Amino acid sequence: CSAEGLTAMGQHPAHSPPPASSSSTVDSSTAIAP
């Protein structure tokens, strides 16, 4: 989850906008995982 919406992890950077700032992006260690 970022300020601009949902971003799929592993998606090519050209297909999604970069996050506004690193502080607004949820750390991948807290993302939903098994």
PDB file of all heavy atoms in Angstrom:
ATOM      1  N   CYS A   1       0.852  -1.179   0.000  1.00  0.00           N
ATOM      2  CA  CYS A   1       0.000   0.000   0.000  1.00  0.00           C
ATOM      3  C   CYS A   1       0.890   1.233   0.000  1.00  0.00           C
ATOM      4  O   CYS A   1       1.834   1.335   0.770  1.00  0.00           O
ATOM      5  CB  CYS A   1      -0.900  -0.026   1.226  1.00  0.00           C
ATOM      6  SG  CYS A   1      -2.093   1.304   1.222  1.00  0.00           S
ATOM      7  N   SER A   2       0.597   2.186  -0.887  1.00  0.00           N
ATOM      8  CA  SER A   2       1.347   3.438  -0.920  1.00  0.00           C
ATOM      9  C   SER A   2       0.349   4.583  -0.989  1.00  0.00           C
ATOM     10  O   SER A   2      -0.855   4.380  -1.097  1.00  0.00           O
ATOM     11  CB  SER A   2       2.291   3.472  -2.121  1.00  0.00           C
ATOM     12  OG  SER A   2       1.543   3.534  -3.316  1.00  0.00           O
ATOM     13  N   ALA A   3       0.851   5.815  -1.000  1.00  0.00           N
ATOM     14  CA  ALA A   3      -0.016   6.985  -1.062  1.00  0.00           C
ATOM     15  C   ALA A   3      -0.809   7.004  -2.360  1.00  0.00           C
ATOM     16  O   ALA A   3      -1.909   7.524  -2.418  1.00  0.00           O
ATOM     17  CB  ALA A   3       0.816   8.259  -0.919  1.00  0.00           C
ATOM     18  N   GLU A   4      -0.260   6.442  -3.442  1.00  0.00           N
ATOM     19  CA  GLU A   4      -0.935   6.446  -4.736  1.00  0.00           C
ATOM     20  C   GLU A   4      -1.876   5.259  -4.907  1.00  0.00           C
ATOM     21  O   GLU A   4      -2.566   5.158  -5.900  1.00  0.00           O
ATOM     22  CB  GLU A   4       0.096   6.431  -5.877  1.00  0.00           C
ATOM     23  CG  GLU A   4       0.813   7.747  -6.085  1.00  0.00           C
ATOM     24  CD  GLU A   4       1.907   7.969  -5.059  1.00  0.00           C
ATOM     25  OE1 GLU A   4       2.455   6.980  -4.529  1.00  0.00           O
ATOM     26  OE2 GLU A   4       2.196   9.120  -4.757  1.00  0.00           O
ATOM     27  N   GLY A   5      -1.910   4.314  -4.007  1.00  0.00           N
ATOM     28  CA  GLY A   5      -2.789   3.147  -4.123  1.00  0.00           C
ATOM     29  C   GLY A   5      -2.008   1.863  -3.937  1.00  0.00           C
ATOM     30  O   GLY A   5      -0.948   1.840  -3.330  1.00  0.00           O
ATOM     31  N   LEU A   6      -2.561   0.768  -4.486  1.00  0.00           N
ATOM     32  CA  LEU A   6      -1.943  -0.541  -4.344  1.00  0.00           C
ATOM     33  C   LEU A   6      -0.917  -0.765  -5.439  1.00  0.00           C
ATOM     34  O   LEU A   6      -1.152  -0.452  -6.602  1.00  0.00           O
ATOM     35  CB  LEU A   6      -2.998  -1.635  -4.406  1.00  0.00           C
ATOM     36  CG  LEU A   6      -4.012  -1.639  -3.272  1.00  0.00           C
ATOM     37  CD1 LEU A   6      -5.047  -2.721  -3.515  1.00  0.00           C
ATOM     38  CD2 LEU A   6      -3.334  -1.866  -1.945  1.00  0.00           C
ATOM     39  N   THR A   7       0.219  -1.307  -5.094  1.00  0.00           N
ATOM     40  CA  THR A   7       1.261  -1.632  -6.039  1.00  0.00           C
ATOM     41  C   THR A   7       1.589  -3.106  -5.884  1.00  0.00           C
ATOM     42  O   THR A   7       1.801  -3.575  -4.772  1.00  0.00           O
ATOM     43  CB  THR A   7       2.545  -0.810  -5.755  1.00  0.00           C
ATOM     44  OG1 THR A   7       2.204   0.563  -5.786  1.00  0.00           O
ATOM     45  CG2 THR A   7       3.632  -1.120  -6.756  1.00  0.00           C
ATOM     46  N   ALA A   8       1.611  -3.828  -6.973  1.00  0.00           N
ATOM     47  CA  ALA A   8       1.955  -5.241  -6.918  1.00  0.00           C
ATOM     48  C   ALA A   8       3.454  -5.385  -6.802  1.00  0.00           C
ATOM     49  O   ALA A   8       4.203  -4.820  -7.589  1.00  0.00           O
ATOM     50  CB  ALA A   8       1.460  -5.949  -8.171  1.00  0.00           C
ATOM     51  N   MET A   9       3.898  -6.133  -5.800  1.00  0.00           N
ATOM     52  CA  MET A   9       5.320  -6.358  -5.587  1.00  0.00           C
ATOM     53  C   MET A   9       5.849  -7.239  -6.704  1.00  0.00           C
ATOM     54  O   MET A   9       5.219  -8.212  -7.091  1.00  0.00           O
ATOM     55  CB  MET A   9       5.549  -7.020  -4.243  1.00  0.00           C
ATOM     56  CG  MET A   9       6.922  -6.874  -3.718  1.00  0.00           C
ATOM     57  SD  MET A   9       6.935  -7.468  -2.030  1.00  0.00           S
ATOM     58  CE  MET A   9       8.677  -7.603  -1.838  1.00  0.00           C
ATOM     59  N   GLY A  10       6.967  -6.899  -7.256  1.00  0.00           N
ATOM     60  CA  GLY A  10       7.541  -7.673  -8.345  1.00  0.00           C
ATOM     61  C   GLY A  10       7.090  -7.153  -9.703  1.00  0.00           C
ATOM     62  O   GLY A  10       7.508  -7.647 -10.729  1.00  0.00           O
ATOM     63  N   GLN A  11       6.209  -6.140  -9.712  1.00  0.00           N
ATOM     64  CA  GLN A  11       5.752  -5.570 -10.968  1.00  0.00           C
ATOM     65  C   GLN A  11       6.861  -4.679 -11.517  1.00  0.00           C
ATOM     66  O   GLN A  11       7.559  -4.000 -10.771  1.00  0.00           O
ATOM     67  CB  GLN A  11       4.476  -4.769 -10.710  1.00  0.00           C
ATOM     68  CG  GLN A  11       3.799  -4.305 -11.959  1.00  0.00           C
ATOM     69  CD  GLN A  11       2.489  -3.602 -11.634  1.00  0.00           C
ATOM     70  OE1 GLN A  11       2.313  -3.124 -10.522  1.00  0.00           O
ATOM     71  NE2 GLN A  11       1.600  -3.550 -12.591  1.00  0.00           N
ATOM     72  N   HIS A  12       7.024  -4.643 -12.821  1.00  0.00           N
ATOM     73  CA  HIS A  12       8.067  -3.849 -13.455  1.00  0.00           C
ATOM     74  C   HIS A  12       7.823  -2.382 -13.152  1.00  0.00           C
ATOM     75  O   HIS A  12       6.694  -1.900 -13.247  1.00  0.00           O
ATOM     76  CB  HIS A  12       8.063  -4.093 -14.969  1.00  0.00           C
ATOM     77  CG  HIS A  12       9.280  -3.540 -15.636  1.00  0.00           C
ATOM     78  ND1 HIS A  12       9.354  -2.213 -16.016  1.00  0.00           N
ATOM     79  CD2 HIS A  12      10.460  -4.111 -15.956  1.00  0.00           C
ATOM     80  CE1 HIS A  12      10.535  -1.998 -16.574  1.00  0.00           C
ATOM     81  NE2 HIS A  12      11.218  -3.138 -16.544  1.00  0.00           N
ATOM     82  N   PRO A  13       8.854  -1.610 -12.782  1.00  0.00           N
ATOM     83  CA  PRO A  13       8.685  -0.210 -12.404  1.00  0.00           C
ATOM     84  C   PRO A  13       8.019   0.630 -13.486  1.00  0.00           C
ATOM     85  O   PRO A  13       7.334   1.590 -13.180  1.00  0.00           O
ATOM     86  CB  PRO A  13      10.107   0.282 -12.133  1.00  0.00           C
ATOM     87  CG  PRO A  13      10.910  -0.944 -11.881  1.00  0.00           C
ATOM     88  CD  PRO A  13      10.225  -2.053 -12.614  1.00  0.00           C
ATOM     89  N   ALA A  14       8.194   0.309 -14.742  1.00  0.00           N
ATOM     90  CA  ALA A  14       7.599   1.091 -15.814  1.00  0.00           C
ATOM     91  C   ALA A  14       6.078   0.955 -15.815  1.00  0.00           C
ATOM     92  O   ALA A  14       5.384   1.801 -16.350  1.00  0.00           O
ATOM     93  CB  ALA A  14       8.157   0.640 -17.161  1.00  0.00           C
ATOM     94  N   HIS A  15       5.533  -0.097 -15.231  1.00  0.00           N
ATOM     95  CA  HIS A  15       4.097  -0.322 -15.234  1.00  0.00           C
ATOM     96  C   HIS A  15       3.391   0.262 -14.029  1.00  0.00           C
ATOM     97  O   HIS A  15       2.185   0.183 -13.922  1.00  0.00           O
ATOM     98  CB  HIS A  15       3.805  -1.824 -15.288  1.00  0.00           C
ATOM     99  CG  HIS A  15       4.329  -2.476 -16.524  1.00  0.00           C
ATOM    100  ND1 HIS A  15       3.808  -2.236 -17.759  1.00  0.00           N
ATOM    101  CD2 HIS A  15       5.362  -3.346 -16.694  1.00  0.00           C
ATOM    102  CE1 HIS A  15       4.472  -2.935 -18.670  1.00  0.00           C
ATOM    103  NE2 HIS A  15       5.420  -3.614 -18.048  1.00  0.00           N
ATOM    104  N   SER A  16       4.108   0.801 -13.066  1.00  0.00           N
ATOM    105  CA  SER A  16       3.475   1.381 -11.895  1.00  0.00           C
ATOM    106  C   SER A  16       4.237   2.613 -11.457  1.00  0.00           C
ATOM    107  O   SER A  16       5.454   2.674 -11.600  1.00  0.00           O
ATOM    108  CB  SER A  16       3.421   0.368 -10.759  1.00  0.00           C
ATOM    109  OG  SER A  16       4.719   0.035 -10.348  1.00  0.00           O
ATOM    110  N   PRO A  17       3.523   3.579 -10.906  1.00  0.00           N
ATOM    111  CA  PRO A  17       4.214   4.793 -10.456  1.00  0.00           C
ATOM    112  C   PRO A  17       5.013   4.514  -9.191  1.00  0.00           C
ATOM    113  O   PRO A  17       4.624   3.667  -8.385  1.00  0.00           O
ATOM    114  CB  PRO A  17       3.075   5.774 -10.177  1.00  0.00           C
ATOM    115  CG  PRO A  17       1.877   4.910  -9.910  1.00  0.00           C
ATOM    116  CD  PRO A  17       2.078   3.669 -10.718  1.00  0.00           C
ATOM    117  N   PRO A  18       6.127   5.200  -9.010  1.00  0.00           N
ATOM    118  CA  PRO A  18       6.905   5.033  -7.786  1.00  0.00           C
ATOM    119  C   PRO A  18       6.145   5.632  -6.611  1.00  0.00           C
ATOM    120  O   PRO A  18       5.320   6.526  -6.786  1.00  0.00           O
ATOM    121  CB  PRO A  18       8.196   5.800  -8.062  1.00  0.00           C
ATOM    122  CG  PRO A  18       7.821   6.824  -9.075  1.00  0.00           C
ATOM    123  CD  PRO A  18       6.723   6.201  -9.904  1.00  0.00           C
ATOM    124  N   PRO A  19       6.406   5.138  -5.413  1.00  0.00           N
ATOM    125  CA  PRO A  19       5.740   5.707  -4.244  1.00  0.00           C
ATOM    126  C   PRO A  19       6.155   7.158  -4.035  1.00  0.00           C
ATOM    127  O   PRO A  19       7.250   7.550  -4.409  1.00  0.00           O
ATOM    128  CB  PRO A  19       6.188   4.827  -3.088  1.00  0.00           C
ATOM    129  CG  PRO A  19       7.304   3.989  -3.592  1.00  0.00           C
ATOM    130  CD  PRO A  19       7.269   4.029  -5.083  1.00  0.00           C
ATOM    131  N   ALA A  20       5.274   7.962  -3.423  1.00  0.00           N
ATOM    132  CA  ALA A  20       5.534   9.386  -3.203  1.00  0.00           C
ATOM    133  C   ALA A  20       6.745   9.577  -2.309  1.00  0.00           C
ATOM    134  O   ALA A  20       7.584  10.418  -2.570  1.00  0.00           O
ATOM    135  CB  ALA A  20       4.316  10.058  -2.591  1.00  0.00           C
ATOM    136  N   SER A  21       6.836   8.810  -1.253  1.00  0.00           N
ATOM    137  CA  SER A  21       8.006   8.867  -0.386  1.00  0.00           C
ATOM    138  C   SER A  21       8.154   7.520   0.288  1.00  0.00           C
ATOM    139  O   SER A  21       7.207   6.767   0.406  1.00  0.00           O
ATOM    140  CB  SER A  21       7.874   9.981   0.645  1.00  0.00           C
ATOM    141  OG  SER A  21       6.911   9.622   1.612  1.00  0.00           O
ATOM    142  N   SER A  22       9.347   7.231   0.742  1.00  0.00           N
ATOM    143  CA  SER A  22       9.575   5.938   1.360  1.00  0.00           C
ATOM    144  C   SER A  22       8.825   5.805   2.672  1.00  0.00           C
ATOM    145  O   SER A  22       8.546   4.717   3.108  1.00  0.00           O
ATOM    146  CB  SER A  22      11.076   5.692   1.572  1.00  0.00           C
ATOM    147  OG  SER A  22      11.573   6.686   2.439  1.00  0.00           O
ATOM    148  N   SER A  23       8.465   6.907   3.305  1.00  0.00           N
ATOM    149  CA  SER A  23       7.758   6.829   4.576  1.00  0.00           C
ATOM    150  C   SER A  23       6.281   6.473   4.384  1.00  0.00           C
ATOM    151  O   SER A  23       5.639   6.024   5.301  1.00  0.00           O
ATOM    152  CB  SER A  23       7.888   8.140   5.347  1.00  0.00           C
ATOM    153  OG  SER A  23       7.275   9.181   4.600  1.00  0.00           O
ATOM    154  N   SER A  24       5.735   6.686   3.173  1.00  0.00           N
ATOM    155  CA  SER A  24       4.328   6.377   2.952  1.00  0.00           C
ATOM    156  C   SER A  24       4.106   4.947   2.476  1.00  0.00           C
ATOM    157  O   SER A  24       2.988   4.514   2.337  1.00  0.00           O
ATOM    158  CB  SER A  24       3.723   7.357   1.933  1.00  0.00           C
ATOM    159  OG  SER A  24       4.330   7.157   0.673  1.00  0.00           O
ATOM    160  N   THR A  25       5.162   4.204   2.212  1.00  0.00           N
ATOM    161  CA  THR A  25       5.047   2.824   1.743  1.00  0.00           C
ATOM    162  C   THR A  25       5.095   1.876   2.932  1.00  0.00           C
ATOM    163  O   THR A  25       5.907   2.048   3.834  1.00  0.00           O
ATOM    164  CB  THR A  25       6.200   2.485   0.772  1.00  0.00           C
ATOM    165  OG1 THR A  25       6.173   3.422  -0.285  1.00  0.00           O
ATOM    166  CG2 THR A  25       6.069   1.077   0.240  1.00  0.00           C
ATOM    167  N   VAL A  26       4.220   0.885   2.915  1.00  0.00           N
ATOM    168  CA  VAL A  26       4.209  -0.124   3.968  1.00  0.00           C
ATOM    169  C   VAL A  26       5.407  -1.031   3.771  1.00  0.00           C
ATOM    170  O   VAL A  26       5.679  -1.491   2.668  1.00  0.00           O
ATOM    171  CB  VAL A  26       2.906  -0.945   3.916  1.00  0.00           C
ATOM    172  CG1 VAL A  26       2.961  -2.085   4.918  1.00  0.00           C
ATOM    173  CG2 VAL A  26       1.723  -0.054   4.164  1.00  0.00           C
ATOM    174  N   ASP A  27       6.152  -1.279   4.816  1.00  0.00           N
ATOM    175  CA  ASP A  27       7.315  -2.156   4.769  1.00  0.00           C
ATOM    176  C   ASP A  27       6.876  -3.561   4.389  1.00  0.00           C
ATOM    177  O   ASP A  27       5.887  -4.068   4.907  1.00  0.00           O
ATOM    178  CB  ASP A  27       7.993  -2.155   6.139  1.00  0.00           C
ATOM    179  CG  ASP A  27       9.252  -2.992   6.190  1.00  0.00           C
ATOM    180  OD1 ASP A  27       9.745  -3.395   5.119  1.00  0.00           O
ATOM    181  OD2 ASP A  27       9.722  -3.244   7.310  1.00  0.00           O
ATOM    182  N   SER A  28       7.605  -4.216   3.490  1.00  0.00           N
ATOM    183  CA  SER A  28       7.228  -5.556   3.028  1.00  0.00           C
ATOM    184  C   SER A  28       7.250  -6.582   4.157  1.00  0.00           C
ATOM    185  O   SER A  28       6.599  -7.612   4.079  1.00  0.00           O
ATOM    186  CB  SER A  28       8.136  -6.011   1.880  1.00  0.00           C
ATOM    187  OG  SER A  28       9.458  -6.161   2.361  1.00  0.00           O
ATOM    188  N   SER A  29       7.957  -6.309   5.236  1.00  0.00           N
ATOM    189  CA  SER A  29       7.967  -7.258   6.354  1.00  0.00           C
ATOM    190  C   SER A  29       6.645  -7.240   7.110  1.00  0.00           C
ATOM    191  O   SER A  29       6.340  -8.172   7.824  1.00  0.00           O
ATOM    192  CB  SER A  29       9.131  -6.965   7.300  1.00  0.00           C
ATOM    193  OG  SER A  29       8.929  -5.710   7.930  1.00  0.00           O
ATOM    194  N   THR A  30       5.826  -6.170   6.954  1.00  0.00           N
ATOM    195  CA  THR A  30       4.525  -6.124   7.605  1.00  0.00           C
ATOM    196  C   THR A  30       3.392  -6.441   6.635  1.00  0.00           C
ATOM    197  O   THR A  30       2.236  -6.404   7.010  1.00  0.00           O
ATOM    198  CB  THR A  30       4.283  -4.735   8.226  1.00  0.00           C
ATOM    199  OG1 THR A  30       4.285  -3.764   7.184  1.00  0.00           O
ATOM    200  CG2 THR A  30       5.308  -4.421   9.285  1.00  0.00           C
ATOM    201  N   ALA A  31       3.722  -6.721   5.386  1.00  0.00           N
ATOM    202  CA  ALA A  31       2.690  -7.032   4.399  1.00  0.00           C
ATOM    203  C   ALA A  31       2.087  -8.403   4.693  1.00  0.00           C
ATOM    204  O   ALA A  31       2.647  -9.201   5.430  1.00  0.00           O
ATOM    205  CB  ALA A  31       3.290  -7.008   2.995  1.00  0.00           C
ATOM    206  N   ILE A  32       0.941  -8.671   4.089  1.00  0.00           N
ATOM    207  CA  ILE A  32       0.255  -9.944   4.299  1.00  0.00           C
ATOM    208  C   ILE A  32       1.107 -11.070   3.713  1.00  0.00           C
ATOM    209  O   ILE A  32       1.483 -11.023   2.550  1.00  0.00           O
ATOM    210  CB  ILE A  32      -1.129  -9.925   3.633  1.00  0.00           C
ATOM    211  CG1 ILE A  32      -1.973  -8.803   4.246  1.00  0.00           C
ATOM    212  CG2 ILE A  32      -1.818 -11.264   3.771  1.00  0.00           C
ATOM    213  CD1 ILE A  32      -3.247  -8.535   3.502  1.00  0.00           C
ATOM    214  N   ALA A  33       1.411 -12.071   4.536  1.00  0.00           N
ATOM    215  CA  ALA A  33       2.238 -13.202   4.117  1.00  0.00           C
ATOM    216  C   ALA A  33       1.787 -14.427   4.892  1.00  0.00           C
ATOM    217  O   ALA A  33       1.155 -14.312   5.936  1.00  0.00           O
ATOM    218  CB  ALA A  33       3.713 -12.911   4.389  1.00  0.00           C
ATOM    219  N   PRO A  34       2.109 -15.638   4.397  1.00  0.00           N
ATOM    220  CA  PRO A  34       1.731 -16.851   5.131  1.00  0.00           C
ATOM    221  C   PRO A  34       2.327 -16.856   6.527  1.00  0.00           C
ATOM    222  O   PRO A  34       3.437 -16.388   6.744  1.00  0.00           O
ATOM    223  CB  PRO A  34       2.326 -17.983   4.279  1.00  0.00           C
ATOM    224  CG  PRO A  34       2.539 -17.385   2.941  1.00  0.00           C
ATOM    225  CD  PRO A  34       2.777 -15.926   3.149  1.00  0.00           C
TER     226      PRO A  34
END
